[in-house]
Amino acid sequence: MHTTWRLGVLPGGVENVVVLAGGHQATDAGALAAAADALHTAAARLGRREYRVTVGDTEIIVIPGLTEDGALDLTDLGDALEAVWPAAGDGGHDRY
């Protein structure tokens, strides 16, 4: 079974999420990795915003943090997604 993923951003002053990227991967782990890559790229380009990452049926709201110097912290975004995604603890195997 393929796993669908999507990345969106909630721009300031609006109520609707704008979809930035999405796709299908053969595995849950592949979908999570693709979503994490897209999130990193979008955050580097758009900055600190509210991002919506959907992998399968799970939606995760992500707002990148700031470093001690006040710069955007892009480190470990993929690890953060894995930490909160329900299937991440299964060693990357499909849930289905």
PDB file of N, CA and C in Angstrom:
ATOM      1  N   MET A   1       0.838  -1.177   0.000  1.00  0.00           N
ATOM      2  CA  MET A   1       0.000   0.000   0.000  1.00  0.00           C
ATOM      3  C   MET A   1       0.886   1.244   0.000  1.00  0.00           C
ATOM      4  N   HIS A   2       0.503   2.237  -0.733  1.00  0.00           N
ATOM      5  CA  HIS A   2       1.245   3.491  -0.781  1.00  0.00           C
ATOM      6  C   HIS A   2       0.777   4.433   0.323  1.00  0.00           C
ATOM      7  N   THR A   3       1.697   5.247   0.800  1.00  0.00           N
ATOM      8  CA  THR A   3       1.382   6.226   1.830  1.00  0.00           C
ATOM      9  C   THR A   3       1.446   7.619   1.219  1.00  0.00           C
ATOM     10  N   THR A   4       0.405   8.385   1.433  1.00  0.00           N
ATOM     11  CA  THR A   4       0.321   9.747   0.924  1.00  0.00           C
ATOM     12  C   THR A   4       0.887  10.715   1.955  1.00  0.00           C
ATOM     13  N   TRP A   5       1.584  11.730   1.468  1.00  0.00           N
ATOM     14  CA  TRP A   5       2.088  12.783   2.350  1.00  0.00           C
ATOM     15  C   TRP A   5       1.788  14.134   1.718  1.00  0.00           C
ATOM     16  N   ARG A   6       1.710  15.156   2.580  1.00  0.00           N
ATOM     17  CA  ARG A   6       1.446  16.511   2.090  1.00  0.00           C
ATOM     18  C   ARG A   6       2.066  17.510   3.059  1.00  0.00           C
ATOM     19  N   LEU A   7       2.554  18.606   2.509  1.00  0.00           N
ATOM     20  CA  LEU A   7       3.091  19.707   3.308  1.00  0.00           C
ATOM     21  C   LEU A   7       2.336  20.973   2.949  1.00  0.00           C
ATOM     22  N   GLY A   8       1.847  21.656   3.965  1.00  0.00           N
ATOM     23  CA  GLY A   8       1.177  22.929   3.762  1.00  0.00           C
ATOM     24  C   GLY A   8       1.717  23.965   4.732  1.00  0.00           C
ATOM     25  N   VAL A   9       1.396  25.205   4.465  1.00  0.00           N
ATOM     26  CA  VAL A   9       1.800  26.298   5.350  1.00  0.00           C
ATOM     27  C   VAL A   9       0.579  27.175   5.595  1.00  0.00           C
ATOM     28  N   LEU A  10       0.489  27.694   6.807  1.00  0.00           N
ATOM     29  CA  LEU A  10      -0.578  28.625   7.146  1.00  0.00           C
ATOM     30  C   LEU A  10       0.022  30.023   7.134  1.00  0.00           C
ATOM     31  N   PRO A  11      -0.167  30.760   6.033  1.00  0.00           N
ATOM     32  CA  PRO A  11       0.396  32.108   5.954  1.00  0.00           C
ATOM     33  C   PRO A  11      -0.244  33.030   6.995  1.00  0.00           C
ATOM     34  N   GLY A  12       0.494  34.021   7.423  1.00  0.00           N
ATOM     35  CA  GLY A  12      -0.021  34.984   8.395  1.00  0.00           C
ATOM     36  C   GLY A  12      -1.246  35.709   7.882  1.00  0.00           C
ATOM     37  N   GLY A  13      -2.242  35.874   8.744  1.00  0.00           N
ATOM     38  CA  GLY A  13      -3.416  36.649   8.397  1.00  0.00           C
ATOM     39  C   GLY A  13      -4.475  35.919   7.597  1.00  0.00           C
ATOM     40  N   VAL A  14      -4.313  34.626   7.369  1.00  0.00           N
ATOM     41  CA  VAL A  14      -5.318  33.860   6.630  1.00  0.00           C
ATOM     42  C   VAL A  14      -5.718  32.633   7.442  1.00  0.00           C
ATOM     43  N   GLU A  15      -6.828  32.019   7.044  1.00  0.00           N
ATOM     44  CA  GLU A  15      -7.326  30.854   7.764  1.00  0.00           C
ATOM     45  C   GLU A  15      -7.134  29.555   7.010  1.00  0.00           C
ATOM     46  N   ASN A  16      -6.713  29.611   5.759  1.00  0.00           N
ATOM     47  CA  ASN A  16      -6.595  28.406   4.948  1.00  0.00           C
ATOM     48  C   ASN A  16      -5.145  28.026   4.723  1.00  0.00           C
ATOM     49  N   VAL A  17      -4.884  26.741   4.821  1.00  0.00           N
ATOM     50  CA  VAL A  17      -3.545  26.211   4.578  1.00  0.00           C
ATOM     51  C   VAL A  17      -3.282  26.198   3.078  1.00  0.00           C
ATOM     52  N   VAL A  18      -2.092  26.621   2.683  1.00  0.00           N
ATOM     53  CA  VAL A  18      -1.655  26.584   1.292  1.00  0.00           C
ATOM     54  C   VAL A  18      -0.763  25.357   1.128  1.00  0.00           C
ATOM     55  N   VAL A  19      -1.143  24.456   0.231  1.00  0.00           N
ATOM     56  CA  VAL A  19      -0.361  23.237   0.006  1.00  0.00           C
ATOM     57  C   VAL A  19       0.892  23.591  -0.779  1.00  0.00           C
ATOM     58  N   LEU A  20       2.046  23.158  -0.258  1.00  0.00           N
ATOM     59  CA  LEU A  20       3.336  23.434  -0.893  1.00  0.00           C
ATOM     60  C   LEU A  20       3.883  22.240  -1.656  1.00  0.00           C
ATOM     61  N   ALA A  21       3.626  21.043  -1.154  1.00  0.00           N
ATOM     62  CA  ALA A  21       4.189  19.840  -1.774  1.00  0.00           C
ATOM     63  C   ALA A  21       3.394  18.632  -1.315  1.00  0.00           C
ATOM     64  N   GLY A  22       3.565  17.541  -2.008  1.00  0.00           N
ATOM     65  CA  GLY A  22       2.897  16.303  -1.619  1.00  0.00           C
ATOM     66  C   GLY A  22       3.225  15.197  -2.586  1.00  0.00           C
ATOM     67  N   GLY A  23       2.846  13.995  -2.208  1.00  0.00           N
ATOM     68  CA  GLY A  23       3.098  12.864  -3.081  1.00  0.00           C
ATOM     69  C   GLY A  23       2.736  11.555  -2.416  1.00  0.00           C
ATOM     70  N   HIS A  24       3.169  10.478  -3.053  1.00  0.00           N
ATOM     71  CA  HIS A  24       2.925   9.120  -2.567  1.00  0.00           C
ATOM     72  C   HIS A  24       4.262   8.402  -2.515  1.00  0.00           C
ATOM     73  N   GLN A  25       4.446   7.603  -1.485  1.00  0.00           N
ATOM     74  CA  GLN A  25       5.652   6.782  -1.365  1.00  0.00           C
ATOM     75  C   GLN A  25       5.232   5.343  -1.103  1.00  0.00           C
ATOM     76  N   ALA A  26       6.101   4.416  -1.431  1.00  0.00           N
ATOM     77  CA  ALA A  26       5.792   2.997  -1.274  1.00  0.00           C
ATOM     78  C   ALA A  26       5.692   2.576   0.187  1.00  0.00           C
ATOM     79  N   THR A  27       6.371   3.290   1.078  1.00  0.00           N
ATOM     80  CA  THR A  27       6.370   2.929   2.495  1.00  0.00           C
ATOM     81  C   THR A  27       6.058   4.143   3.360  1.00  0.00           C
ATOM     82  N   ASP A  28       5.653   3.868   4.592  1.00  0.00           N
ATOM     83  CA  ASP A  28       5.434   4.949   5.553  1.00  0.00           C
ATOM     84  C   ASP A  28       6.725   5.712   5.806  1.00  0.00           C
ATOM     85  N   ALA A  29       7.818   4.968   5.968  1.00  0.00           N
ATOM     86  CA  ALA A  29       9.115   5.604   6.229  1.00  0.00           C
ATOM     87  C   ALA A  29       9.522   6.506   5.066  1.00  0.00           C
ATOM     88  N   GLY A  30       9.260   6.065   3.846  1.00  0.00           N
ATOM     89  CA  GLY A  30       9.573   6.879   2.674  1.00  0.00           C
ATOM     90  C   GLY A  30       8.740   8.143   2.620  1.00  0.00           C
ATOM     91  N   ALA A  31       7.458   8.034   2.982  1.00  0.00           N
ATOM     92  CA  ALA A  31       6.584   9.207   3.000  1.00  0.00           C
ATOM     93  C   ALA A  31       7.032  10.195   4.065  1.00  0.00           C
ATOM     94  N   LEU A  32       7.402   9.685   5.225  1.00  0.00           N
ATOM     95  CA  LEU A  32       7.872  10.560   6.298  1.00  0.00           C
ATOM     96  C   LEU A  32       9.161  11.267   5.894  1.00  0.00           C
ATOM     97  N   ALA A  33      10.066  10.548   5.252  1.00  0.00           N
ATOM     98  CA  ALA A  33      11.332  11.147   4.808  1.00  0.00           C
ATOM     99  C   ALA A  33      11.087  12.223   3.751  1.00  0.00           C
ATOM    100  N   ALA A  34      10.192  11.953   2.806  1.00  0.00           N
ATOM    101  CA  ALA A  34       9.887  12.943   1.765  1.00  0.00           C
ATOM    102  C   ALA A  34       9.249  14.189   2.375  1.00  0.00           C
ATOM    103  N   ALA A  35       8.344  13.997   3.330  1.00  0.00           N
ATOM    104  CA  ALA A  35       7.705  15.134   3.992  1.00  0.00           C
ATOM    105  C   ALA A  35       8.723  15.946   4.786  1.00  0.00           C
ATOM    106  N   ALA A  36       9.643  15.261   5.454  1.00  0.00           N
ATOM    107  CA  ALA A  36      10.677  15.955   6.232  1.00  0.00           C
ATOM    108  C   ALA A  36      11.588  16.772   5.325  1.00  0.00           C
ATOM    109  N   ASP A  37      11.960  16.213   4.182  1.00  0.00           N
ATOM    110  CA  ASP A  37      12.798  16.950   3.227  1.00  0.00           C
ATOM    111  C   ASP A  37      12.071  18.194   2.714  1.00  0.00           C
ATOM    112  N   ALA A  38      10.792  18.030   2.380  1.00  0.00           N
ATOM    113  CA  ALA A  38      10.011  19.168   1.885  1.00  0.00           C
ATOM    114  C   ALA A  38       9.852  20.236   2.966  1.00  0.00           C
ATOM    115  N   LEU A  39       9.656  19.805   4.211  1.00  0.00           N
ATOM    116  CA  LEU A  39       9.534  20.746   5.326  1.00  0.00           C
ATOM    117  C   LEU A  39      10.816  21.545   5.508  1.00  0.00           C
ATOM    118  N   HIS A  40      11.940  20.877   5.455  1.00  0.00           N
ATOM    119  CA  HIS A  40      13.233  21.556   5.625  1.00  0.00           C
ATOM    120  C   HIS A  40      13.430  22.596   4.527  1.00  0.00           C
ATOM    121  N   THR A  41      13.148  22.219   3.297  1.00  0.00           N
ATOM    122  CA  THR A  41      13.295  23.131   2.160  1.00  0.00           C
ATOM    123  C   THR A  41      12.356  24.333   2.294  1.00  0.00           C
ATOM    124  N   ALA A  42      11.100  24.074   2.649  1.00  0.00           N
ATOM    125  CA  ALA A  42      10.128  25.165   2.776  1.00  0.00           C
ATOM    126  C   ALA A  42      10.495  26.111   3.915  1.00  0.00           C
ATOM    127  N   ALA A  43      10.898  25.556   5.053  1.00  0.00           N
ATOM    128  CA  ALA A  43      11.251  26.406   6.196  1.00  0.00           C
ATOM    129  C   ALA A  43      12.482  27.251   5.895  1.00  0.00           C
ATOM    130  N   ALA A  44      13.437  26.683   5.158  1.00  0.00           N
ATOM    131  CA  ALA A  44      14.631  27.449   4.788  1.00  0.00           C
ATOM    132  C   ALA A  44      14.258  28.609   3.864  1.00  0.00           C
ATOM    133  N   ARG A  45      13.248  28.398   3.026  1.00  0.00           N
ATOM    134  CA  ARG A  45      12.841  29.420   2.063  1.00  0.00           C
ATOM    135  C   ARG A  45      11.855  30.427   2.657  1.00  0.00           C
ATOM    136  N   LEU A  46      10.886  29.940   3.430  1.00  0.00           N
ATOM    137  CA  LEU A  46       9.798  30.796   3.909  1.00  0.00           C
ATOM    138  C   LEU A  46       9.976  31.297   5.340  1.00  0.00           C
ATOM    139  N   GLY A  47      10.837  30.645   6.095  1.00  0.00           N
ATOM    140  CA  GLY A  47      11.084  31.081   7.464  1.00  0.00           C
ATOM    141  C   GLY A  47      10.174  30.424   8.483  1.00  0.00           C
ATOM    142  N   ARG A  48      10.101  31.053   9.638  1.00  0.00           N
ATOM    143  CA  ARG A  48       9.366  30.510  10.778  1.00  0.00           C
ATOM    144  C   ARG A  48       7.876  30.781  10.605  1.00  0.00           C
ATOM    145  N   ARG A  49       7.187  29.750  10.197  1.00  0.00           N
ATOM    146  CA  ARG A  49       5.740  29.816   9.981  1.00  0.00           C
ATOM    147  C   ARG A  49       5.109  28.565  10.567  1.00  0.00           C
ATOM    148  N   GLU A  50       3.801  28.492  10.499  1.00  0.00           N
ATOM    149  CA  GLU A  50       3.100  27.290  10.943  1.00  0.00           C
ATOM    150  C   GLU A  50       2.932  26.360   9.746  1.00  0.00           C
ATOM    151  N   TYR A  51       3.571  25.197   9.811  1.00  0.00           N
ATOM    152  CA  TYR A  51       3.515  24.210   8.739  1.00  0.00           C
ATOM    153  C   TYR A  51       2.616  23.059   9.160  1.00  0.00           C
ATOM    154  N   ARG A  52       1.916  22.484   8.209  1.00  0.00           N
ATOM    155  CA  ARG A  52       1.064  21.316   8.442  1.00  0.00           C
ATOM    156  C   ARG A  52       1.628  20.170   7.617  1.00  0.00           C
ATOM    157  N   VAL A  53       2.091  19.148   8.287  1.00  0.00           N
ATOM    158  CA  VAL A  53       2.638  17.962   7.634  1.00  0.00           C
ATOM    159  C   VAL A  53       1.643  16.830   7.833  1.00  0.00           C
ATOM    160  N   THR A  54       1.190  16.237   6.749  1.00  0.00           N
ATOM    161  CA  THR A  54       0.277  15.106   6.825  1.00  0.00           C
ATOM    162  C   THR A  54       0.966  13.897   6.217  1.00  0.00           C
ATOM    163  N   VAL A  55       1.040  12.826   6.995  1.00  0.00           N
ATOM    164  CA  VAL A  55       1.591  11.556   6.527  1.00  0.00           C
ATOM    165  C   VAL A  55       0.535  10.501   6.823  1.00  0.00           C
ATOM    166  N   GLY A  56       0.015   9.880   5.763  1.00  0.00           N
ATOM    167  CA  GLY A  56      -1.097   8.959   5.962  1.00  0.00           C
ATOM    168  C   GLY A  56      -2.282   9.734   6.511  1.00  0.00           C
ATOM    169  N   ASP A  57      -2.810   9.276   7.638  1.00  0.00           N
ATOM    170  CA  ASP A  57      -3.960   9.927   8.267  1.00  0.00           C
ATOM    171  C   ASP A  57      -3.571  10.847   9.416  1.00  0.00           C
ATOM    172  N   THR A  58      -2.284  11.058   9.610  1.00  0.00           N
ATOM    173  CA  THR A  58      -1.810  11.836  10.751  1.00  0.00           C
ATOM    174  C   THR A  58      -1.350  13.219  10.316  1.00  0.00           C
ATOM    175  N   GLU A  59      -1.923  14.254  10.940  1.00  0.00           N
ATOM    176  CA  GLU A  59      -1.487  15.626  10.673  1.00  0.00           C
ATOM    177  C   GLU A  59      -0.647  16.122  11.845  1.00  0.00           C
ATOM    178  N   ILE A  60       0.487  16.716  11.527  1.00  0.00           N
ATOM    179  CA  ILE A  60       1.410  17.241  12.528  1.00  0.00           C
ATOM    180  C   ILE A  60       1.592  18.730  12.251  1.00  0.00           C
ATOM    181  N   ILE A  61       1.419  19.554  13.271  1.00  0.00           N
ATOM    182  CA  ILE A  61       1.644  20.994  13.144  1.00  0.00           C
ATOM    183  C   ILE A  61       3.060  21.285  13.614  1.00  0.00           C
ATOM    184  N   VAL A  62       3.835  21.950  12.767  1.00  0.00           N
ATOM    185  CA  VAL A  62       5.243  22.214  13.065  1.00  0.00           C
ATOM    186  C   VAL A  62       5.521  23.709  12.943  1.00  0.00           C
ATOM    187  N   ILE A  63       6.130  24.264  13.975  1.00  0.00           N
ATOM    188  CA  ILE A  63       6.641  25.634  13.921  1.00  0.00           C
ATOM    189  C   ILE A  63       8.110  25.546  14.304  1.00  0.00           C
ATOM    190  N   PRO A  64       9.020  25.727  13.337  1.00  0.00           N
ATOM    191  CA  PRO A  64      10.451  25.621  13.656  1.00  0.00           C
ATOM    192  C   PRO A  64      10.839  26.588  14.770  1.00  0.00           C
ATOM    193  N   GLY A  65      11.772  26.161  15.584  1.00  0.00           N
ATOM    194  CA  GLY A  65      12.234  26.990  16.691  1.00  0.00           C
ATOM    195  C   GLY A  65      13.293  27.990  16.268  1.00  0.00           C
ATOM    196  N   LEU A  66      13.813  28.673  17.262  1.00  0.00           N
ATOM    197  CA  LEU A  66      14.871  29.654  17.049  1.00  0.00           C
ATOM    198  C   LEU A  66      16.103  29.244  17.846  1.00  0.00           C
ATOM    199  N   THR A  67      17.265  29.590  17.333  1.00  0.00           N
ATOM    200  CA  THR A  67      18.505  29.348  18.060  1.00  0.00           C
ATOM    201  C   THR A  67      18.652  30.393  19.160  1.00  0.00           C
ATOM    202  N   GLU A  68      19.666  30.235  19.989  1.00  0.00           N
ATOM    203  CA  GLU A  68      19.923  31.213  21.050  1.00  0.00           C
ATOM    204  C   GLU A  68      20.187  32.606  20.489  1.00  0.00           C
ATOM    205  N   ASP A  69      20.688  32.662  19.250  1.00  0.00           N
ATOM    206  CA  ASP A  69      20.977  33.939  18.596  1.00  0.00           C
ATOM    207  C   ASP A  69      19.767  34.522  17.871  1.00  0.00           C
ATOM    208  N   GLY A  70      18.630  33.808  17.901  1.00  0.00           N
ATOM    209  CA  GLY A  70      17.430  34.296  17.248  1.00  0.00           C
ATOM    210  C   GLY A  70      17.292  33.896  15.794  1.00  0.00           C
ATOM    211  N   ALA A  71      18.197  33.060  15.294  1.00  0.00           N
ATOM    212  CA  ALA A  71      18.111  32.585  13.910  1.00  0.00           C
ATOM    213  C   ALA A  71      17.170  31.376  13.840  1.00  0.00           C
ATOM    214  N   LEU A  72      16.622  31.121  12.666  1.00  0.00           N
ATOM    215  CA  LEU A  72      15.745  29.976  12.454  1.00  0.00           C
ATOM    216  C   LEU A  72      16.524  28.684  12.660  1.00  0.00           C
ATOM    217  N   ASP A  73      15.990  27.777  13.458  1.00  0.00           N
ATOM    218  CA  ASP A  73      16.652  26.504  13.745  1.00  0.00           C
ATOM    219  C   ASP A  73      16.055  25.421  12.859  1.00  0.00           C
ATOM    220  N   LEU A  74      16.794  25.024  11.828  1.00  0.00           N
ATOM    221  CA  LEU A  74      16.326  24.007  10.895  1.00  0.00           C
ATOM    222  C   LEU A  74      16.859  22.618  11.229  1.00  0.00           C
ATOM    223  N   THR A  75      17.653  22.503  12.266  1.00  0.00           N
ATOM    224  CA  THR A  75      18.224  21.203  12.612  1.00  0.00           C
ATOM    225  C   THR A  75      17.151  20.295  13.201  1.00  0.00           C
ATOM    226  N   ASP A  76      17.266  19.050  12.894  1.00  0.00           N
ATOM    227  CA  ASP A  76      16.438  17.995  13.492  1.00  0.00           C
ATOM    228  C   ASP A  76      14.948  18.090  13.187  1.00  0.00           C
ATOM    229  N   LEU A  77      14.543  18.767  12.124  1.00  0.00           N
ATOM    230  CA  LEU A  77      13.122  18.807  11.796  1.00  0.00           C
ATOM    231  C   LEU A  77      12.602  17.412  11.469  1.00  0.00           C
ATOM    232  N   GLY A  78      13.383  16.635  10.735  1.00  0.00           N
ATOM    233  CA  GLY A  78      12.982  15.266  10.410  1.00  0.00           C
ATOM    234  C   GLY A  78      12.874  14.400  11.648  1.00  0.00           C
ATOM    235  N   ASP A  79      13.826  14.551  12.570  1.00  0.00           N
ATOM    236  CA  ASP A  79      13.776  13.792  13.818  1.00  0.00           C
ATOM    237  C   ASP A  79      12.548  14.166  14.634  1.00  0.00           C
ATOM    238  N   ALA A  80      12.182  15.429  14.609  1.00  0.00           N
ATOM    239  CA  ALA A  80      11.000  15.873  15.348  1.00  0.00           C
ATOM    240  C   ALA A  80       9.739  15.239  14.775  1.00  0.00           C
ATOM    241  N   LEU A  81       9.652  15.153  13.453  1.00  0.00           N
ATOM    242  CA  LEU A  81       8.490  14.505  12.841  1.00  0.00           C
ATOM    243  C   LEU A  81       8.423  13.042  13.247  1.00  0.00           C
ATOM    244  N   GLU A  82       9.568  12.359  13.200  1.00  0.00           N
ATOM    245  CA  GLU A  82       9.602  10.948  13.575  1.00  0.00           C
ATOM    246  C   GLU A  82       9.187  10.745  15.022  1.00  0.00           C
ATOM    247  N   ALA A  83       9.541  11.680  15.882  1.00  0.00           N
ATOM    248  CA  ALA A  83       9.239  11.541  17.304  1.00  0.00           C
ATOM    249  C   ALA A  83       7.743  11.617  17.598  1.00  0.00           C
ATOM    250  N   VAL A  84       6.991  12.343  16.788  1.00  0.00           N
ATOM    251  CA  VAL A  84       5.568  12.503  17.070  1.00  0.00           C
ATOM    252  C   VAL A  84       4.668  11.694  16.149  1.00  0.00           C
ATOM    253  N   TRP A  85       5.233  11.091  15.114  1.00  0.00           N
ATOM    254  CA  TRP A  85       4.404  10.328  14.177  1.00  0.00           C
ATOM    255  C   TRP A  85       4.192   8.925  14.726  1.00  0.00           C
ATOM    256  N   PRO A  86       2.948   8.438  14.813  1.00  0.00           N
ATOM    257  CA  PRO A  86       2.654   7.165  15.468  1.00  0.00           C
ATOM    258  C   PRO A  86       3.409   5.961  14.921  1.00  0.00           C
ATOM    259  N   ALA A  87       3.675   5.903  13.622  1.00  0.00           N
ATOM    260  CA  ALA A  87       4.324   4.726  13.044  1.00  0.00           C
ATOM    261  C   ALA A  87       5.836   4.777  13.138  1.00  0.00           C
ATOM    262  N   ALA A  88       6.385   5.865  13.636  1.00  0.00           N
ATOM    263  CA  ALA A  88       7.838   6.023  13.638  1.00  0.00           C
ATOM    264  C   ALA A  88       8.526   5.015  14.540  1.00  0.00           C
ATOM    265  N   GLY A  89       7.852   4.571  15.573  1.00  0.00           N
ATOM    266  CA  GLY A  89       8.468   3.641  16.509  1.00  0.00           C
ATOM    267  C   GLY A  89       8.521   2.209  16.032  1.00  0.00           C
ATOM    268  N   ASP A  90       8.021   1.923  14.835  1.00  0.00           N
ATOM    269  CA  ASP A  90       7.996   0.534  14.370  1.00  0.00           C
ATOM    270  C   ASP A  90       9.193   0.183  13.501  1.00  0.00           C
ATOM    271  N   GLY A  91      10.239   0.974  13.559  1.00  0.00           N
ATOM    272  CA  GLY A  91      11.437   0.676  12.783  1.00  0.00           C
ATOM    273  C   GLY A  91      11.311   1.005  11.316  1.00  0.00           C
ATOM    274  N   GLY A  92      10.333   1.814  10.951  1.00  0.00           N
ATOM    275  CA  GLY A  92      10.178   2.215   9.561  1.00  0.00           C
ATOM    276  C   GLY A  92       9.374   1.243   8.727  1.00  0.00           C
ATOM    277  N   HIS A  93       8.770   0.240   9.350  1.00  0.00           N
ATOM    278  CA  HIS A  93       7.975  -0.719   8.601  1.00  0.00           C
ATOM    279  C   HIS A  93       6.565  -0.188   8.392  1.00  0.00           C
ATOM    280  N   ASP A  94       5.927  -0.667   7.349  1.00  0.00           N
ATOM    281  CA  ASP A  94       4.557  -0.238   7.074  1.00  0.00           C
ATOM    282  C   ASP A  94       3.624  -0.622   8.212  1.00  0.00           C
ATOM    283  N   ARG A  95       2.653   0.218   8.463  1.00  0.00           N
ATOM    284  CA  ARG A  95       1.658  -0.056   9.505  1.00  0.00           C
ATOM    285  C   ARG A  95       0.591  -1.010   9.014  1.00  0.00           C
ATOM    286  N   TYR A  96       0.453  -1.179   7.732  1.00  0.00           N
ATOM    287  CA  TYR A  96      -0.695  -1.883   7.169  1.00  0.00           C
ATOM    288  C   TYR A  96      -0.389  -3.319   6.848  1.00  0.00           C
TER     289      TYR A  96
END
